[in-house]
Amino acid sequence: MKVILLENIRKVGSIGDIIDVKRGYARNFLISKKKALFASKDNIQEVEKIKQELSKKDQEKKKQSKNIHEQIQNKILEVKKLSTENKELYGSVKPTEISKILSEKLNVDINPSLIQPVKEIKSLGTFKVKINLHSEIQSEISIKVISEEIAK
């Protein structure tokens, strides 16, 4: 299915590109999240007209992402969780929880869907987490999981 991209998407393309993607990806992700339009003649002409405006919005988004990147890059955040004797957690640390911690401690609002732990956080220790702020900007933070008993 041919679509026109309305924003830069990493590993897919940039604003105004007409790309061929699988129907499910186009319908369920790109079009539903308003990241692309179906590539009809009318839509192609419309995107040509608003291409500069979209680029301007993308530049603003990139600027905001850079500011957030500078605030959070290489930070270490502590999470207190209940754990067993063999240092495993009851449950795991999810992106929604990481997002909440970022907003509480650093006053940075990041959508949980942008947060990707390198590996699942299910035990005590320090874990790397990648945050995709923009198609060109990726930050990395560390999450240090400590036992709630020790923290008391």
N, C-alpha and C. Protein backbone atom coordinates (compact mmCIF):
# COMPACT_ATOMS: atom_id res chain seq x y z
N MET A 1 0.85 -1.17 0.00
CA MET A 1 0.00 0.00 0.00
C MET A 1 0.89 1.24 0.00
N LYS A 2 0.62 2.17 -0.87
CA LYS A 2 1.42 3.39 -0.96
C LYS A 2 0.84 4.47 -0.04
N VAL A 3 1.74 5.08 0.77
CA VAL A 3 1.33 6.15 1.67
C VAL A 3 2.32 7.31 1.56
N ILE A 4 1.88 8.49 2.00
CA ILE A 4 2.73 9.67 2.04
C ILE A 4 3.00 9.97 3.50
N LEU A 5 4.28 10.08 3.87
CA LEU A 5 4.63 10.34 5.26
C LEU A 5 4.42 11.80 5.62
N LEU A 6 3.82 12.01 6.81
CA LEU A 6 3.57 13.36 7.30
C LEU A 6 4.60 13.78 8.35
N GLU A 7 5.46 12.85 8.76
CA GLU A 7 6.56 13.18 9.68
C GLU A 7 7.71 12.22 9.44
N ASN A 8 8.88 12.59 9.95
CA ASN A 8 10.06 11.73 9.81
C ASN A 8 9.89 10.52 10.71
N ILE A 9 10.08 9.35 10.14
CA ILE A 9 9.99 8.12 10.91
C ILE A 9 11.28 7.34 10.69
N ARG A 10 11.94 7.04 11.80
CA ARG A 10 13.24 6.37 11.73
C ARG A 10 13.11 5.03 11.02
N LYS A 11 14.05 4.76 10.13
CA LYS A 11 14.13 3.53 9.35
C LYS A 11 12.99 3.35 8.34
N VAL A 12 12.16 4.39 8.16
CA VAL A 12 11.05 4.29 7.20
C VAL A 12 11.19 5.36 6.12
N GLY A 13 11.30 6.63 6.55
CA GLY A 13 11.43 7.71 5.58
C GLY A 13 11.22 9.06 6.22
N SER A 14 11.23 10.11 5.38
CA SER A 14 11.06 11.46 5.91
C SER A 14 9.81 12.11 5.33
N ILE A 15 9.51 13.30 5.80
CA ILE A 15 8.29 14.03 5.44
C ILE A 15 8.13 14.12 3.92
N GLY A 16 6.94 13.78 3.45
CA GLY A 16 6.62 13.91 2.03
C GLY A 16 7.01 12.71 1.18
N ASP A 17 7.76 11.77 1.74
CA ASP A 17 8.14 10.58 0.98
C ASP A 17 6.92 9.73 0.69
N ILE A 18 6.86 9.20 -0.52
CA ILE A 18 5.81 8.24 -0.87
C ILE A 18 6.46 6.87 -0.79
N ILE A 19 5.99 6.07 0.16
CA ILE A 19 6.62 4.77 0.39
C ILE A 19 5.58 3.66 0.25
N ASP A 20 6.07 2.47 0.01
CA ASP A 20 5.22 1.29 -0.10
C ASP A 20 5.41 0.47 1.17
N VAL A 21 4.33 0.32 1.95
CA VAL A 21 4.40 -0.45 3.19
C VAL A 21 3.29 -1.49 3.20
N LYS A 22 3.38 -2.42 4.11
CA LYS A 22 2.33 -3.44 4.23
C LYS A 22 1.03 -2.78 4.67
N ARG A 23 -0.06 -3.30 4.19
CA ARG A 23 -1.39 -2.73 4.42
C ARG A 23 -1.69 -2.58 5.92
N GLY A 24 -1.36 -3.58 6.73
CA GLY A 24 -1.64 -3.54 8.17
C GLY A 24 -0.86 -2.44 8.87
N TYR A 25 0.43 -2.30 8.52
CA TYR A 25 1.27 -1.26 9.11
C TYR A 25 0.73 0.12 8.75
N ALA A 26 0.31 0.27 7.49
CA ALA A 26 -0.24 1.57 7.06
C ALA A 26 -1.54 1.87 7.80
N ARG A 27 -2.46 0.93 7.79
CA ARG A 27 -3.78 1.18 8.36
C ARG A 27 -3.76 1.27 9.88
N ASN A 28 -3.06 0.34 10.53
CA ASN A 28 -3.10 0.25 11.99
C ASN A 28 -2.15 1.20 12.70
N PHE A 29 -1.09 1.62 12.04
CA PHE A 29 -0.13 2.49 12.73
C PHE A 29 0.01 3.84 12.05
N LEU A 30 0.49 3.86 10.82
CA LEU A 30 0.81 5.13 10.17
C LEU A 30 -0.40 6.04 9.99
N ILE A 31 -1.48 5.52 9.42
CA ILE A 31 -2.65 6.35 9.15
C ILE A 31 -3.42 6.63 10.44
N SER A 32 -3.58 5.63 11.30
CA SER A 32 -4.34 5.82 12.54
C SER A 32 -3.66 6.82 13.49
N LYS A 33 -2.33 6.90 13.47
CA LYS A 33 -1.60 7.83 14.34
C LYS A 33 -1.30 9.15 13.62
N LYS A 34 -1.91 9.32 12.45
CA LYS A 34 -1.74 10.54 11.63
C LYS A 34 -0.28 10.81 11.30
N LYS A 35 0.46 9.75 11.02
CA LYS A 35 1.85 9.88 10.60
C LYS A 35 1.96 9.77 9.08
N ALA A 36 0.85 9.36 8.44
CA ALA A 36 0.85 9.21 6.98
C ALA A 36 -0.57 9.33 6.43
N LEU A 37 -0.63 9.55 5.12
CA LEU A 37 -1.90 9.60 4.40
C LEU A 37 -1.85 8.60 3.26
N PHE A 38 -3.02 8.08 2.86
CA PHE A 38 -3.10 7.22 1.69
C PHE A 38 -2.63 8.02 0.48
N ALA A 39 -1.83 7.42 -0.40
CA ALA A 39 -1.22 8.15 -1.51
C ALA A 39 -2.16 8.28 -2.71
N SER A 40 -3.18 9.14 -2.60
CA SER A 40 -4.04 9.43 -3.75
C SER A 40 -3.51 10.72 -4.40
N LYS A 41 -3.99 11.02 -5.63
CA LYS A 41 -3.51 12.23 -6.32
C LYS A 41 -3.82 13.48 -5.52
N ASP A 42 -5.02 13.56 -4.93
CA ASP A 42 -5.40 14.72 -4.12
C ASP A 42 -4.48 14.88 -2.92
N ASN A 43 -4.23 13.77 -2.21
CA ASN A 43 -3.38 13.82 -1.01
C ASN A 43 -1.94 14.21 -1.37
N ILE A 44 -1.44 13.72 -2.50
CA ILE A 44 -0.07 14.06 -2.92
C ILE A 44 0.04 15.57 -3.14
N GLN A 45 -0.95 16.16 -3.81
CA GLN A 45 -0.94 17.61 -4.04
C GLN A 45 -1.04 18.38 -2.73
N GLU A 46 -1.89 17.90 -1.83
CA GLU A 46 -2.07 18.56 -0.54
C GLU A 46 -0.79 18.53 0.29
N VAL A 47 -0.11 17.40 0.30
CA VAL A 47 1.13 17.26 1.07
C VAL A 47 2.21 18.17 0.50
N GLU A 48 2.26 18.32 -0.81
CA GLU A 48 3.22 19.24 -1.42
C GLU A 48 3.02 20.66 -0.89
N LYS A 49 1.75 21.05 -0.73
CA LYS A 49 1.44 22.41 -0.25
C LYS A 49 1.86 22.59 1.21
N ILE A 50 1.61 21.58 2.04
CA ILE A 50 1.87 21.75 3.48
C ILE A 50 3.21 21.16 3.92
N LYS A 51 4.05 20.79 2.96
CA LYS A 51 5.34 20.18 3.28
C LYS A 51 6.22 21.09 4.13
N GLN A 52 6.27 22.38 3.79
CA GLN A 52 7.11 23.32 4.55
C GLN A 52 6.60 23.47 5.98
N GLU A 53 5.28 23.53 6.12
CA GLU A 53 4.69 23.64 7.45
C GLU A 53 5.03 22.41 8.30
N LEU A 54 4.94 21.24 7.67
CA LEU A 54 5.26 20.00 8.38
C LEU A 54 6.74 19.97 8.77
N SER A 55 7.60 20.46 7.89
CA SER A 55 9.04 20.50 8.20
C SER A 55 9.31 21.44 9.37
N LYS A 56 8.60 22.56 9.41
CA LYS A 56 8.76 23.51 10.50
C LYS A 56 8.35 22.87 11.83
N LYS A 57 7.21 22.16 11.82
CA LYS A 57 6.74 21.47 13.03
C LYS A 57 7.76 20.43 13.46
N ASP A 58 8.33 19.72 12.47
CA ASP A 58 9.31 18.68 12.78
C ASP A 58 10.56 19.30 13.41
N GLN A 59 10.99 20.46 12.91
CA GLN A 59 12.15 21.14 13.47
C GLN A 59 11.90 21.56 14.92
N GLU A 60 10.68 22.05 15.19
CA GLU A 60 10.32 22.43 16.57
C GLU A 60 10.34 21.21 17.49
N LYS A 61 9.78 20.12 16.98
CA LYS A 61 9.76 18.87 17.75
C LYS A 61 11.19 18.40 18.03
N LYS A 62 12.06 18.54 17.03
CA LYS A 62 13.45 18.13 17.17
C LYS A 62 14.16 19.00 18.21
N LYS A 63 13.85 20.30 18.22
CA LYS A 63 14.45 21.23 19.18
C LYS A 63 14.04 20.86 20.60
N GLN A 64 12.73 20.58 20.79
CA GLN A 64 12.24 20.16 22.11
C GLN A 64 12.90 18.86 22.53
N SER A 65 13.02 17.94 21.58
CA SER A 65 13.65 16.66 21.87
C SER A 65 15.10 16.82 22.30
N LYS A 66 15.81 17.77 21.66
CA LYS A 66 17.21 18.02 22.04
C LYS A 66 17.31 18.53 23.47
N ASN A 67 16.38 19.44 23.85
CA ASN A 67 16.38 19.97 25.21
C ASN A 67 16.15 18.85 26.22
N ILE A 68 15.17 17.99 25.94
CA ILE A 68 14.88 16.86 26.84
C ILE A 68 16.08 15.92 26.89
N HIS A 69 16.69 15.68 25.72
CA HIS A 69 17.86 14.80 25.63
C HIS A 69 18.97 15.31 26.54
N GLU A 70 19.22 16.64 26.52
CA GLU A 70 20.27 17.21 27.35
C GLU A 70 19.94 17.08 28.84
N GLN A 71 18.65 17.14 29.18
CA GLN A 71 18.25 17.02 30.59
C GLN A 71 18.40 15.59 31.12
N ILE A 72 18.10 14.61 30.27
CA ILE A 72 18.04 13.24 30.80
C ILE A 72 19.19 12.33 30.40
N GLN A 73 19.99 12.70 29.42
CA GLN A 73 21.04 11.81 28.93
C GLN A 73 21.96 11.36 30.06
N ASN A 74 22.20 10.06 30.13
CA ASN A 74 23.10 9.42 31.11
C ASN A 74 22.72 9.65 32.58
N LYS A 75 21.48 9.97 32.86
CA LYS A 75 21.02 10.11 34.25
C LYS A 75 20.78 8.71 34.82
N ILE A 76 20.90 8.62 36.14
CA ILE A 76 20.61 7.36 36.83
C ILE A 76 19.42 7.61 37.75
N LEU A 77 18.34 6.90 37.53
CA LEU A 77 17.14 7.06 38.35
C LEU A 77 16.97 5.83 39.23
N GLU A 78 16.59 6.05 40.49
CA GLU A 78 16.40 4.93 41.40
C GLU A 78 14.94 4.55 41.49
N VAL A 79 14.69 3.26 41.54
CA VAL A 79 13.33 2.73 41.70
C VAL A 79 13.36 1.78 42.89
N LYS A 80 12.43 1.99 43.83
CA LYS A 80 12.34 1.09 44.99
C LYS A 80 11.24 0.08 44.73
N LYS A 81 11.59 -1.20 44.77
CA LYS A 81 10.61 -2.26 44.51
C LYS A 81 10.76 -3.38 45.54
N LEU A 82 9.66 -4.05 45.81
CA LEU A 82 9.72 -5.24 46.67
C LEU A 82 10.41 -6.36 45.91
N SER A 83 11.28 -7.10 46.63
CA SER A 83 12.00 -8.19 45.95
C SER A 83 12.09 -9.42 46.84
N THR A 84 12.40 -10.53 46.20
CA THR A 84 12.57 -11.79 46.93
C THR A 84 14.00 -11.85 47.48
N GLU A 85 14.32 -12.95 48.20
CA GLU A 85 15.67 -13.09 48.76
C GLU A 85 16.72 -13.23 47.66
N ASN A 86 16.34 -13.85 46.53
CA ASN A 86 17.32 -14.02 45.46
C ASN A 86 17.27 -12.87 44.44
N LYS A 87 16.95 -11.68 44.94
CA LYS A 87 17.03 -10.41 44.21
C LYS A 87 16.14 -10.31 42.96
N GLU A 88 15.07 -11.06 42.93
CA GLU A 88 14.12 -10.94 41.83
C GLU A 88 12.95 -10.09 42.29
N LEU A 89 12.38 -9.35 41.36
CA LEU A 89 11.27 -8.46 41.71
C LEU A 89 9.94 -9.18 41.65
N TYR A 90 8.99 -8.68 42.44
CA TYR A 90 7.60 -9.11 42.29
C TYR A 90 7.04 -8.25 41.16
N GLY A 91 6.94 -8.78 39.96
CA GLY A 91 6.54 -7.99 38.81
C GLY A 91 7.77 -7.45 38.12
N SER A 92 7.62 -6.36 37.37
CA SER A 92 8.76 -5.76 36.68
C SER A 92 8.57 -4.25 36.59
N VAL A 93 9.62 -3.56 36.17
CA VAL A 93 9.54 -2.12 35.99
C VAL A 93 9.15 -1.87 34.53
N LYS A 94 7.99 -1.27 34.34
CA LYS A 94 7.43 -1.05 33.00
C LYS A 94 7.71 0.38 32.52
N PRO A 95 7.63 0.61 31.19
CA PRO A 95 7.83 1.97 30.65
C PRO A 95 6.91 3.02 31.27
N THR A 96 5.67 2.65 31.64
CA THR A 96 4.76 3.63 32.26
C THR A 96 5.31 4.10 33.60
N GLU A 97 5.91 3.18 34.33
CA GLU A 97 6.50 3.53 35.63
C GLU A 97 7.73 4.41 35.44
N ILE A 98 8.54 4.10 34.43
CA ILE A 98 9.73 4.90 34.14
C ILE A 98 9.31 6.32 33.73
N SER A 99 8.25 6.42 32.94
CA SER A 99 7.72 7.72 32.51
C SER A 99 7.29 8.55 33.72
N LYS A 100 6.60 7.89 34.67
CA LYS A 100 6.14 8.56 35.88
C LYS A 100 7.32 9.07 36.71
N ILE A 101 8.36 8.26 36.84
CA ILE A 101 9.55 8.64 37.60
C ILE A 101 10.25 9.83 36.93
N LEU A 102 10.34 9.81 35.60
CA LEU A 102 10.96 10.93 34.87
C LEU A 102 10.20 12.23 35.10
N SER A 103 8.87 12.16 35.11
CA SER A 103 8.09 13.38 35.31
C SER A 103 8.19 13.87 36.76
N GLU A 104 8.27 12.94 37.72
CA GLU A 104 8.37 13.34 39.13
C GLU A 104 9.74 13.92 39.47
N LYS A 105 10.80 13.24 39.05
CA LYS A 105 12.14 13.64 39.47
C LYS A 105 12.80 14.67 38.57
N LEU A 106 12.51 14.65 37.26
CA LEU A 106 13.19 15.56 36.34
C LEU A 106 12.24 16.54 35.64
N ASN A 107 10.95 16.48 35.98
CA ASN A 107 9.92 17.32 35.33
C ASN A 107 9.95 17.20 33.81
N VAL A 108 10.09 15.98 33.31
CA VAL A 108 10.12 15.72 31.87
C VAL A 108 8.98 14.75 31.55
N ASP A 109 8.07 15.18 30.69
CA ASP A 109 6.97 14.30 30.29
C ASP A 109 7.35 13.55 29.02
N ILE A 110 7.43 12.22 29.15
CA ILE A 110 7.76 11.38 28.00
C ILE A 110 6.71 10.30 27.89
N ASN A 111 6.19 10.13 26.70
CA ASN A 111 5.19 9.10 26.44
C ASN A 111 5.81 7.72 26.67
N PRO A 112 5.14 6.84 27.44
CA PRO A 112 5.70 5.51 27.70
C PRO A 112 6.02 4.70 26.43
N SER A 113 5.34 4.98 25.33
CA SER A 113 5.60 4.23 24.10
C SER A 113 6.97 4.56 23.51
N LEU A 114 7.59 5.65 23.94
CA LEU A 114 8.92 6.04 23.44
C LEU A 114 10.05 5.39 24.25
N ILE A 115 9.68 4.78 25.38
CA ILE A 115 10.67 4.21 26.30
C ILE A 115 10.85 2.72 26.00
N GLN A 116 12.12 2.33 25.77
CA GLN A 116 12.42 0.94 25.46
C GLN A 116 13.55 0.41 26.34
N PRO A 117 13.20 -0.39 27.36
CA PRO A 117 14.27 -1.01 28.15
C PRO A 117 15.08 -1.95 27.26
N VAL A 118 16.42 -1.94 27.41
CA VAL A 118 17.27 -2.80 26.59
C VAL A 118 16.93 -4.26 26.86
N LYS A 119 16.73 -4.60 28.15
CA LYS A 119 16.21 -5.92 28.49
C LYS A 119 15.20 -5.74 29.62
N GLU A 120 14.33 -6.70 29.79
CA GLU A 120 13.26 -6.57 30.78
C GLU A 120 13.82 -6.40 32.18
N ILE A 121 13.23 -5.49 32.94
CA ILE A 121 13.72 -5.18 34.28
C ILE A 121 12.92 -6.01 35.29
N LYS A 122 13.51 -7.16 35.69
CA LYS A 122 12.80 -8.08 36.59
C LYS A 122 13.60 -8.43 37.83
N SER A 123 14.75 -7.76 38.02
CA SER A 123 15.55 -8.06 39.21
C SER A 123 16.23 -6.78 39.70
N LEU A 124 16.88 -6.87 40.85
CA LEU A 124 17.60 -5.72 41.39
C LEU A 124 18.85 -5.47 40.55
N GLY A 125 19.29 -4.22 40.50
CA GLY A 125 20.49 -3.90 39.73
C GLY A 125 20.28 -2.66 38.88
N THR A 126 21.24 -2.40 37.98
CA THR A 126 21.17 -1.24 37.10
C THR A 126 20.91 -1.70 35.67
N PHE A 127 19.96 -1.05 35.02
CA PHE A 127 19.56 -1.42 33.67
C PHE A 127 19.57 -0.20 32.75
N LYS A 128 20.00 -0.41 31.51
CA LYS A 128 19.99 0.66 30.50
C LYS A 128 18.61 0.72 29.86
N VAL A 129 18.16 1.96 29.60
CA VAL A 129 16.87 2.18 28.95
C VAL A 129 17.06 3.20 27.84
N LYS A 130 16.60 2.86 26.62
CA LYS A 130 16.68 3.78 25.49
C LYS A 130 15.37 4.55 25.38
N ILE A 131 15.47 5.84 25.05
CA ILE A 131 14.29 6.67 24.87
C ILE A 131 14.37 7.32 23.50
N ASN A 132 13.40 7.00 22.63
CA ASN A 132 13.35 7.56 21.28
C ASN A 132 12.57 8.87 21.31
N LEU A 133 13.27 9.98 21.45
CA LEU A 133 12.62 11.28 21.55
C LEU A 133 12.18 11.81 20.19
N HIS A 134 12.94 11.49 19.16
CA HIS A 134 12.69 11.99 17.80
C HIS A 134 13.30 10.96 16.86
N SER A 135 12.96 11.04 15.57
CA SER A 135 13.51 10.06 14.65
C SER A 135 15.03 10.13 14.57
N GLU A 136 15.61 11.29 14.95
CA GLU A 136 17.06 11.45 14.89
C GLU A 136 17.72 11.55 16.26
N ILE A 137 16.92 11.59 17.32
CA ILE A 137 17.48 11.78 18.67
C ILE A 137 17.06 10.63 19.59
N GLN A 138 18.08 9.95 20.13
CA GLN A 138 17.84 8.85 21.07
C GLN A 138 18.65 9.11 22.33
N SER A 139 18.00 9.00 23.48
CA SER A 139 18.70 9.18 24.75
C SER A 139 18.83 7.84 25.46
N GLU A 140 19.75 7.80 26.40
CA GLU A 140 19.91 6.58 27.19
C GLU A 140 20.02 6.97 28.66
N ILE A 141 19.21 6.31 29.48
CA ILE A 141 19.29 6.54 30.93
C ILE A 141 19.51 5.19 31.60
N SER A 142 19.86 5.25 32.88
CA SER A 142 20.01 4.02 33.66
C SER A 142 18.95 3.99 34.75
N ILE A 143 18.36 2.84 34.95
CA ILE A 143 17.40 2.65 36.01
C ILE A 143 18.05 1.72 37.04
N LYS A 144 18.22 2.25 38.27
CA LYS A 144 18.83 1.45 39.34
C LYS A 144 17.70 0.96 40.23
N VAL A 145 17.49 -0.34 40.23
CA VAL A 145 16.42 -0.94 41.02
C VAL A 145 17.00 -1.37 42.36
N ILE A 146 16.45 -0.80 43.44
CA ILE A 146 16.91 -1.18 44.78
C ILE A 146 15.73 -1.76 45.56
N SER A 147 16.06 -2.60 46.52
CA SER A 147 15.05 -3.26 47.32
C SER A 147 14.41 -2.26 48.29
N GLU A 148 13.10 -2.36 48.46
CA GLU A 148 12.40 -1.45 49.36
C GLU A 148 12.84 -1.65 50.81
N GLU A 149 13.20 -2.87 51.19
CA GLU A 149 13.63 -3.14 52.56
C GLU A 149 14.91 -2.39 52.88
N ILE A 150 15.87 -2.37 51.93
CA ILE A 150 17.15 -1.69 52.14
C ILE A 150 16.92 -0.17 52.21
N ALA A 151 15.99 0.30 51.43
CA ALA A 151 15.74 1.74 51.34
C ALA A 151 15.17 2.33 52.62
N LYS A 152 14.60 1.50 53.49
CA LYS A 152 13.94 2.01 54.72
C LYS A 152 14.93 2.56 55.70
